[in-house]
Amino acid sequence: MPVIKIYYDNVSVSKNIKAAWGFSALVKYKGRNILFDAGGNAEVLSANMKKMGSDPKCIEFVVISHKHWDHVDGVSAVLPALPAGRQPSQKVYFLKSFSERLKKRAKASGAKLVEIIKFQKIIPGIYTTGEMGKTIKEQSLIIDTPKGLIIVTGCSHPGIVDIVRHSKKKLKKDIYFVIGGFHLKTLRAEQVRRIINELKELGVKRIAPCHCTGKKAISIFQKEFQNDFIKIGVGSIIGTDEI
């Protein structure tokens, strides 16, 4: 099972770890290190990684869910500019629809830029959903584990239910755990409960909403999932015992 560290979120689980609006998480699986999103501030991300015992140099892959500042602006903390002639050691996965300005930022670091359109494998056992959504394009991360699929989302602008359904269809496996921002903060309680019912019908066993999900929606998830709800924030380390 993977270990997931939350480096950036607007709620902190430790007074020593700074909370700020945005999201970033490390996925460590089978000895590989993937940073999913980079928060909104490089200094905050860098400081939080250090306090959580992580070295930015350990990051092999960077996957950015979507173009909003609170998910991409901290990326320089893990993609420093390389000296001329030095070969890049990291790959950055941006959606093809990202602006040329964002793509130039990745290229300027010397990292290899991979432009994503469709569902594809990143490394064995880890996939991107590919570009989803009509208005705000977004990708999510899928981890294939012995217990089932784990989905890591940035803001779920395409809809958390659609992301889960798409992931299940692509890999033809059960969904075990979903973690990240669900973008439900403006919804009424009955709308949130309807989404929860749909997720349960899709077979989601465990859940850890954060970031843009909204306090009210998170409290409803906690009530509905009970022991299968995991409370998270910046500073959280979700290991094999938790999931």
C-alpha atoms as a PDB file:
ATOM      1  CA  MET A   1       0.000   0.000   0.000  1.00  0.00           C
ATOM      2  CA  PRO A   2       1.173   3.555  -0.648  1.00  0.00           C
ATOM      3  CA  VAL A   3       2.124   6.212   1.875  1.00  0.00           C
ATOM      4  CA  ILE A   4       0.539   9.624   1.249  1.00  0.00           C
ATOM      5  CA  LYS A   5       1.926  12.776   2.851  1.00  0.00           C
ATOM      6  CA  ILE A   6      -0.098  15.997   2.757  1.00  0.00           C
ATOM      7  CA  TYR A   7       2.364  18.851   2.235  1.00  0.00           C
ATOM      8  CA  TYR A   8      -0.132  21.637   1.546  1.00  0.00           C
ATOM      9  CA  ASP A   9      -3.718  22.246   2.643  1.00  0.00           C
ATOM     10  CA  ASN A  10      -5.799  25.031   4.152  1.00  0.00           C
ATOM     11  CA  VAL A  11      -6.176  23.064   7.414  1.00  0.00           C
ATOM     12  CA  SER A  12      -3.203  21.903   9.493  1.00  0.00           C
ATOM     13  CA  VAL A  13      -3.059  18.894  11.806  1.00  0.00           C
ATOM     14  CA  SER A  14       0.057  20.244  13.529  1.00  0.00           C
ATOM     15  CA  LYS A  15       0.864  23.695  14.916  1.00  0.00           C
ATOM     16  CA  ASN A  16       4.374  23.337  13.474  1.00  0.00           C
ATOM     17  CA  ILE A  17       3.124  22.847   9.892  1.00  0.00           C
ATOM     18  CA  LYS A  18       1.796  25.926   8.098  1.00  0.00           C
ATOM     19  CA  ALA A  19      -1.657  25.842   6.548  1.00  0.00           C
ATOM     20  CA  ALA A  20      -2.311  27.811   3.364  1.00  0.00           C
ATOM     21  CA  TRP A  21      -4.990  27.704   0.684  1.00  0.00           C
ATOM     22  CA  GLY A  22      -4.096  25.024  -1.860  1.00  0.00           C
ATOM     23  CA  PHE A  23      -3.183  21.361  -2.090  1.00  0.00           C
ATOM     24  CA  SER A  24      -0.100  19.194  -2.492  1.00  0.00           C
ATOM     25  CA  ALA A  25       0.541  15.560  -1.612  1.00  0.00           C
ATOM     26  CA  LEU A  26       3.373  13.078  -1.929  1.00  0.00           C
ATOM     27  CA  VAL A  27       2.470   9.593  -3.113  1.00  0.00           C
ATOM     28  CA  LYS A  28       5.160   7.076  -2.216  1.00  0.00           C
ATOM     29  CA  TYR A  29       4.505   3.679  -3.784  1.00  0.00           C
ATOM     30  CA  LYS A  30       6.791   0.753  -4.499  1.00  0.00           C
ATOM     31  CA  GLY A  31       9.845   2.918  -3.903  1.00  0.00           C
ATOM     32  CA  ARG A  32       8.782   5.703  -6.281  1.00  0.00           C
ATOM     33  CA  ASN A  33       7.962   9.302  -5.299  1.00  0.00           C
ATOM     34  CA  ILE A  34       5.273  11.318  -7.044  1.00  0.00           C
ATOM     35  CA  LEU A  35       4.305  14.860  -6.058  1.00  0.00           C
ATOM     36  CA  PHE A  36       0.669  15.523  -6.874  1.00  0.00           C
ATOM     37  CA  ASP A  37       0.075  19.285  -7.073  1.00  0.00           C
ATOM     38  CA  ALA A  38       2.361  21.894  -5.554  1.00  0.00           C
ATOM     39  CA  GLY A  39       0.240  24.288  -3.529  1.00  0.00           C
ATOM     40  CA  GLY A  40       0.223  28.035  -4.035  1.00  0.00           C
ATOM     41  CA  ASN A  41       3.540  29.124  -2.534  1.00  0.00           C
ATOM     42  CA  ALA A  42       6.993  27.591  -3.028  1.00  0.00           C
ATOM     43  CA  GLU A  43       8.354  28.807   0.328  1.00  0.00           C
ATOM     44  CA  VAL A  44       5.443  27.286   2.250  1.00  0.00           C
ATOM     45  CA  LEU A  45       5.708  24.004   0.333  1.00  0.00           C
ATOM     46  CA  SER A  46       9.463  23.814   0.833  1.00  0.00           C
ATOM     47  CA  ALA A  47       9.217  24.550   4.569  1.00  0.00           C
ATOM     48  CA  ASN A  48       6.433  22.017   5.099  1.00  0.00           C
ATOM     49  CA  MET A  49       8.327  19.318   3.213  1.00  0.00           C
ATOM     50  CA  LYS A  50      11.381  19.926   5.368  1.00  0.00           C
ATOM     51  CA  LYS A  51       9.368  19.763   8.602  1.00  0.00           C
ATOM     52  CA  MET A  52       7.852  16.486   7.411  1.00  0.00           C
ATOM     53  CA  GLY A  53      11.275  15.000   6.752  1.00  0.00           C
ATOM     54  CA  SER A  54      11.122  15.162   2.964  1.00  0.00           C
ATOM     55  CA  ASP A  55      13.836  16.249   0.550  1.00  0.00           C
ATOM     56  CA  PRO A  56      12.609  17.894  -2.694  1.00  0.00           C
ATOM     57  CA  LYS A  57      15.366  15.995  -4.490  1.00  0.00           C
ATOM     58  CA  CYS A  58      13.500  12.754  -3.782  1.00  0.00           C
ATOM     59  CA  ILE A  59      10.669  13.776  -6.115  1.00  0.00           C
ATOM     60  CA  GLU A  60      10.871  11.826  -9.378  1.00  0.00           C
ATOM     61  CA  PHE A  61       7.536  12.804 -10.913  1.00  0.00           C
ATOM     62  CA  VAL A  62       5.370  15.901 -10.595  1.00  0.00           C
ATOM     63  CA  VAL A  63       1.710  15.693 -11.613  1.00  0.00           C
ATOM     64  CA  ILE A  64      -0.298  18.925 -11.643  1.00  0.00           C
ATOM     65  CA  SER A  65      -4.046  18.424 -11.582  1.00  0.00           C
ATOM     66  CA  HIS A  66      -5.112  21.729 -13.116  1.00  0.00           C
ATOM     67  CA  LYS A  67      -3.922  25.243 -13.876  1.00  0.00           C
ATOM     68  CA  HIS A  68      -5.199  27.134 -10.822  1.00  0.00           C
ATOM     69  CA  TRP A  69      -2.558  29.016  -8.821  1.00  0.00           C
ATOM     70  CA  ASP A  70      -3.201  27.156  -5.567  1.00  0.00           C
ATOM     71  CA  HIS A  71      -2.108  23.886  -7.180  1.00  0.00           C
ATOM     72  CA  VAL A  72       0.762  25.009  -9.399  1.00  0.00           C
ATOM     73  CA  ASP A  73       2.438  28.154  -8.070  1.00  0.00           C
ATOM     74  CA  GLY A  74       4.581  26.289  -5.528  1.00  0.00           C
ATOM     75  CA  VAL A  75       6.160  24.051  -8.145  1.00  0.00           C
ATOM     76  CA  SER A  76       9.536  25.825  -8.119  1.00  0.00           C
ATOM     77  CA  ALA A  77      10.134  24.281  -4.663  1.00  0.00           C
ATOM     78  CA  VAL A  78      10.638  20.920  -6.354  1.00  0.00           C
ATOM     79  CA  LEU A  79      11.699  22.064  -9.831  1.00  0.00           C
ATOM     80  CA  PRO A  80      14.660  24.400  -9.338  1.00  0.00           C
ATOM     81  CA  ALA A  81      16.399  25.610 -12.479  1.00  0.00           C
ATOM     82  CA  LEU A  82      19.180  23.241 -13.514  1.00  0.00           C
ATOM     83  CA  PRO A  83      22.687  24.333 -14.478  1.00  0.00           C
ATOM     84  CA  ALA A  84      23.288  24.329 -18.212  1.00  0.00           C
ATOM     85  CA  GLY A  85      24.208  20.912 -19.558  1.00  0.00           C
ATOM     86  CA  ARG A  86      22.864  18.932 -16.617  1.00  0.00           C
ATOM     87  CA  GLN A  87      20.383  16.208 -17.514  1.00  0.00           C
ATOM     88  CA  PRO A  88      16.915  16.450 -15.903  1.00  0.00           C
ATOM     89  CA  SER A  89      16.048  13.798 -13.338  1.00  0.00           C
ATOM     90  CA  GLN A  90      12.325  14.596 -13.074  1.00  0.00           C
ATOM     91  CA  LYS A  91       9.260  14.298 -15.269  1.00  0.00           C
ATOM     92  CA  VAL A  92       6.422  16.788 -15.059  1.00  0.00           C
ATOM     93  CA  TYR A  93       2.926  15.812 -16.152  1.00  0.00           C
ATOM     94  CA  PHE A  94       0.896  18.823 -17.323  1.00  0.00           C
ATOM     95  CA  LEU A  95      -2.341  18.739 -19.267  1.00  0.00           C
ATOM     96  CA  LYS A  96      -1.791  19.583 -22.918  1.00  0.00           C
ATOM     97  CA  SER A  97      -4.409  22.339 -22.523  1.00  0.00           C
ATOM     98  CA  PHE A  98      -2.234  24.198 -19.972  1.00  0.00           C
ATOM     99  CA  SER A  99      -0.990  27.587 -21.116  1.00  0.00           C
ATOM    100  CA  GLU A 100       2.373  27.942 -22.801  1.00  0.00           C
ATOM    101  CA  ARG A 101       3.402  30.144 -19.869  1.00  0.00           C
ATOM    102  CA  LEU A 102       2.979  27.237 -17.444  1.00  0.00           C
ATOM    103  CA  LYS A 103       4.725  24.822 -19.781  1.00  0.00           C
ATOM    104  CA  LYS A 104       7.676  27.195 -20.105  1.00  0.00           C
ATOM    105  CA  ARG A 105       8.004  27.241 -16.307  1.00  0.00           C
ATOM    106  CA  ALA A 106       8.398  23.469 -16.291  1.00  0.00           C
ATOM    107  CA  LYS A 107      10.801  23.441 -19.214  1.00  0.00           C
ATOM    108  CA  ALA A 108      12.904  26.205 -17.659  1.00  0.00           C
ATOM    109  CA  SER A 109      13.687  23.891 -14.747  1.00  0.00           C
ATOM    110  CA  GLY A 110      15.169  21.367 -17.145  1.00  0.00           C
ATOM    111  CA  ALA A 111      12.580  18.725 -16.253  1.00  0.00           C
ATOM    112  CA  LYS A 112      11.085  16.595 -18.989  1.00  0.00           C
ATOM    113  CA  LEU A 113       7.570  17.841 -19.755  1.00  0.00           C
ATOM    114  CA  VAL A 114       4.942  15.202 -20.541  1.00  0.00           C
ATOM    115  CA  GLU A 115       1.725  16.648 -21.956  1.00  0.00           C
ATOM    116  CA  ILE A 116      -1.364  14.671 -20.994  1.00  0.00           C
ATOM    117  CA  ILE A 117      -4.578  14.320 -22.972  1.00  0.00           C
ATOM    118  CA  LYS A 118      -5.907  10.836 -22.286  1.00  0.00           C
ATOM    119  CA  PHE A 119      -5.767   8.226 -19.544  1.00  0.00           C
ATOM    120  CA  GLN A 120      -2.282   6.735 -19.387  1.00  0.00           C
ATOM    121  CA  LYS A 121       0.197   4.916 -17.199  1.00  0.00           C
ATOM    122  CA  ILE A 122       2.833   7.011 -15.424  1.00  0.00           C
ATOM    123  CA  ILE A 123       4.695   4.069 -13.918  1.00  0.00           C
ATOM    124  CA  PRO A 124       3.521   0.517 -13.194  1.00  0.00           C
ATOM    125  CA  GLY A 125       0.599   0.763 -10.777  1.00  0.00           C
ATOM    126  CA  ILE A 126       0.089   4.536 -11.096  1.00  0.00           C
ATOM    127  CA  TYR A 127      -2.016   6.270 -13.752  1.00  0.00           C
ATOM    128  CA  THR A 128      -3.417   9.646 -14.705  1.00  0.00           C
ATOM    129  CA  THR A 129      -7.123   9.835 -15.497  1.00  0.00           C
ATOM    130  CA  GLY A 130      -6.214  12.037 -18.426  1.00  0.00           C
ATOM    131  CA  GLU A 131      -7.889  15.351 -19.116  1.00  0.00           C
ATOM    132  CA  MET A 132     -11.429  15.540 -17.767  1.00  0.00           C
ATOM    133  CA  GLY A 133     -13.996  18.330 -17.591  1.00  0.00           C
ATOM    134  CA  LYS A 134     -15.563  20.799 -19.986  1.00  0.00           C
ATOM    135  CA  THR A 135     -14.874  24.205 -18.441  1.00  0.00           C
ATOM    136  CA  ILE A 136     -11.940  23.595 -16.090  1.00  0.00           C
ATOM    137  CA  LYS A 137      -9.748  20.777 -17.372  1.00  0.00           C
ATOM    138  CA  GLU A 138      -8.289  18.521 -14.696  1.00  0.00           C
ATOM    139  CA  GLN A 139      -6.471  15.235 -14.177  1.00  0.00           C
ATOM    140  CA  SER A 140      -6.457  12.994 -11.108  1.00  0.00           C
ATOM    141  CA  LEU A 141      -4.071  10.275  -9.972  1.00  0.00           C
ATOM    142  CA  ILE A 142      -5.040   6.588  -9.743  1.00  0.00           C
ATOM    143  CA  ILE A 143      -3.024   4.070  -7.710  1.00  0.00           C
ATOM    144  CA  ASP A 144      -3.660   0.373  -8.298  1.00  0.00           C
ATOM    145  CA  THR A 145      -3.239  -1.408  -4.948  1.00  0.00           C
ATOM    146  CA  PRO A 146      -4.048  -4.908  -3.651  1.00  0.00           C
ATOM    147  CA  LYS A 147      -7.072  -3.490  -1.777  1.00  0.00           C
ATOM    148  CA  GLY A 148      -8.431  -1.681  -4.821  1.00  0.00           C
ATOM    149  CA  LEU A 149      -7.950   1.651  -6.575  1.00  0.00           C
ATOM    150  CA  ILE A 150      -6.909   4.769  -4.674  1.00  0.00           C
ATOM    151  CA  ILE A 151      -7.808   8.081  -6.324  1.00  0.00           C
ATOM    152  CA  VAL A 152      -6.065  11.359  -5.454  1.00  0.00           C
ATOM    153  CA  THR A 153      -7.853  14.498  -6.623  1.00  0.00           C
ATOM    154  CA  GLY A 154      -6.884  18.154  -6.747  1.00  0.00           C
ATOM    155  CA  CYS A 155     -10.202  20.030  -6.860  1.00  0.00           C
ATOM    156  CA  SER A 156     -12.521  17.622  -8.706  1.00  0.00           C
ATOM    157  CA  HIS A 157     -13.840  20.342 -11.002  1.00  0.00           C
ATOM    158  CA  PRO A 158     -15.088  17.670 -13.457  1.00  0.00           C
ATOM    159  CA  GLY A 159     -17.133  16.181 -10.575  1.00  0.00           C
ATOM    160  CA  ILE A 160     -15.902  13.695  -7.993  1.00  0.00           C
ATOM    161  CA  VAL A 161     -18.497  11.104  -9.020  1.00  0.00           C
ATOM    162  CA  ASP A 162     -17.470  11.327 -12.679  1.00  0.00           C
ATOM    163  CA  ILE A 163     -13.784  11.000 -11.726  1.00  0.00           C
ATOM    164  CA  VAL A 164     -14.469   7.864  -9.691  1.00  0.00           C
ATOM    165  CA  ARG A 165     -16.704   6.364 -12.387  1.00  0.00           C
ATOM    166  CA  HIS A 166     -14.098   7.101 -15.078  1.00  0.00           C
ATOM    167  CA  SER A 167     -11.294   5.542 -13.026  1.00  0.00           C
ATOM    168  CA  LYS A 168     -13.305   2.409 -12.324  1.00  0.00           C
ATOM    169  CA  LYS A 169     -14.218   2.042 -15.997  1.00  0.00           C
ATOM    170  CA  LYS A 170     -10.651   2.465 -17.215  1.00  0.00           C
ATOM    171  CA  LEU A 171      -9.032  -0.056 -14.882  1.00  0.00           C
ATOM    172  CA  LYS A 172     -12.073  -2.295 -14.349  1.00  0.00           C
ATOM    173  CA  LYS A 173     -11.338  -2.582 -10.632  1.00  0.00           C
ATOM    174  CA  ASP A 174     -13.108  -1.637  -7.408  1.00  0.00           C
ATOM    175  CA  ILE A 175     -12.484   1.750  -5.800  1.00  0.00           C
ATOM    176  CA  TYR A 176     -11.065   1.492  -2.310  1.00  0.00           C
ATOM    177  CA  PHE A 177     -10.063   4.995  -1.182  1.00  0.00           C
ATOM    178  CA  VAL A 178     -10.581   8.563  -2.458  1.00  0.00           C
ATOM    179  CA  ILE A 179      -8.573  11.492  -1.082  1.00  0.00           C
ATOM    180  CA  GLY A 180      -8.248  15.183  -1.968  1.00  0.00           C
ATOM    181  CA  GLY A 181     -10.350  18.217  -2.812  1.00  0.00           C
ATOM    182  CA  PHE A 182     -13.932  17.514  -3.935  1.00  0.00           C
ATOM    183  CA  HIS A 183     -15.091  21.121  -4.593  1.00  0.00           C
ATOM    184  CA  LEU A 184     -18.402  20.859  -2.747  1.00  0.00           C
ATOM    185  CA  LYS A 185     -18.221  23.930  -0.503  1.00  0.00           C
ATOM    186  CA  THR A 186     -21.132  25.725  -2.235  1.00  0.00           C
ATOM    187  CA  LEU A 187     -23.527  22.757  -2.242  1.00  0.00           C
ATOM    188  CA  ARG A 188     -26.498  22.202   0.046  1.00  0.00           C
ATOM    189  CA  ALA A 189     -26.457  19.314   2.520  1.00  0.00           C
ATOM    190  CA  GLU A 190     -28.907  17.226   0.484  1.00  0.00           C
ATOM    191  CA  GLN A 191     -26.729  17.647  -2.623  1.00  0.00           C
ATOM    192  CA  VAL A 192     -23.668  16.446  -0.703  1.00  0.00           C
ATOM    193  CA  ARG A 193     -25.567  13.420   0.599  1.00  0.00           C
ATOM    194  CA  ARG A 194     -26.673  12.572  -2.936  1.00  0.00           C
ATOM    195  CA  ILE A 195     -23.030  12.603  -4.044  1.00  0.00           C
ATOM    196  CA  ILE A 196     -22.050  10.422  -1.082  1.00  0.00           C
ATOM    197  CA  ASN A 197     -24.737   7.888  -2.038  1.00  0.00           C
ATOM    198  CA  GLU A 198     -23.429   7.803  -5.610  1.00  0.00           C
ATOM    199  CA  LEU A 199     -19.879   7.252  -4.384  1.00  0.00           C
ATOM    200  CA  LYS A 200     -21.018   4.395  -2.169  1.00  0.00           C
ATOM    201  CA  GLU A 201     -22.933   2.873  -5.079  1.00  0.00           C
ATOM    202  CA  LEU A 202     -19.687   2.993  -7.069  1.00  0.00           C
ATOM    203  CA  GLY A 203     -18.081   0.983  -4.272  1.00  0.00           C
ATOM    204  CA  VAL A 204     -15.946   3.634  -2.542  1.00  0.00           C
ATOM    205  CA  LYS A 205     -14.930   2.123   0.805  1.00  0.00           C
ATOM    206  CA  ARG A 206     -12.895   4.882   2.489  1.00  0.00           C
ATOM    207  CA  ILE A 207     -12.767   8.652   2.051  1.00  0.00           C
ATOM    208  CA  ALA A 208     -10.559  11.618   3.014  1.00  0.00           C
ATOM    209  CA  PRO A 209     -11.918  14.924   1.687  1.00  0.00           C
ATOM    210  CA  CYS A 210     -10.000  18.166   2.221  1.00  0.00           C
ATOM    211  CA  HIS A 211      -9.080  21.539   0.657  1.00  0.00           C
ATOM    212  CA  CYS A 212     -12.025  22.855  -1.405  1.00  0.00           C
ATOM    213  CA  THR A 213     -14.526  20.251  -0.192  1.00  0.00           C
ATOM    214  CA  GLY A 214     -15.819  22.692   2.414  1.00  0.00           C
ATOM    215  CA  LYS A 215     -16.240  22.313   6.185  1.00  0.00           C
ATOM    216  CA  LYS A 216     -19.949  21.527   6.011  1.00  0.00           C
ATOM    217  CA  ALA A 217     -19.488  18.894   3.332  1.00  0.00           C
ATOM    218  CA  ILE A 218     -16.535  17.328   5.174  1.00  0.00           C
ATOM    219  CA  SER A 219     -18.640  16.999   8.334  1.00  0.00           C
ATOM    220  CA  ILE A 220     -21.350  15.223   6.322  1.00  0.00           C
ATOM    221  CA  PHE A 221     -18.789  12.827   4.835  1.00  0.00           C
ATOM    222  CA  GLN A 222     -17.530  12.097   8.352  1.00  0.00           C
ATOM    223  CA  LYS A 223     -21.038  11.311   9.575  1.00  0.00           C
ATOM    224  CA  GLU A 224     -21.912   9.128   6.574  1.00  0.00           C
ATOM    225  CA  PHE A 225     -18.636   7.173   6.334  1.00  0.00           C
ATOM    226  CA  GLN A 226     -18.025   6.987  10.108  1.00  0.00           C
ATOM    227  CA  ASN A 227     -14.983   4.730  10.741  1.00  0.00           C
ATOM    228  CA  ASP A 228     -14.123   4.786   7.041  1.00  0.00           C
ATOM    229  CA  PHE A 229     -13.664   8.573   7.117  1.00  0.00           C
ATOM    230  CA  ILE A 230     -10.067   9.788   7.522  1.00  0.00           C
ATOM    231  CA  LYS A 231      -9.569  13.338   8.795  1.00  0.00           C
ATOM    232  CA  ILE A 232      -6.618  14.981   7.061  1.00  0.00           C
ATOM    233  CA  GLY A 233      -4.827  18.286   6.614  1.00  0.00           C
ATOM    234  CA  VAL A 234      -1.335  19.552   5.964  1.00  0.00           C
ATOM    235  CA  GLY A 235       1.016  17.465   8.092  1.00  0.00           C
ATOM    236  CA  SER A 236      -0.999  14.263   7.724  1.00  0.00           C
ATOM    237  CA  ILE A 237       0.822  11.059   6.847  1.00  0.00           C
ATOM    238  CA  ILE A 238      -1.552   8.338   5.692  1.00  0.00           C
ATOM    239  CA  GLY A 239       0.251   5.032   5.804  1.00  0.00           C
ATOM    240  CA  THR A 240      -0.594   1.369   5.470  1.00  0.00           C
ATOM    241  CA  ASP A 241      -2.244   1.265   8.906  1.00  0.00           C
ATOM    242  CA  GLU A 242      -4.730   4.001   7.971  1.00  0.00           C
ATOM    243  CA  ILE A 243      -5.669   2.718   4.515  1.00  0.00           C
END
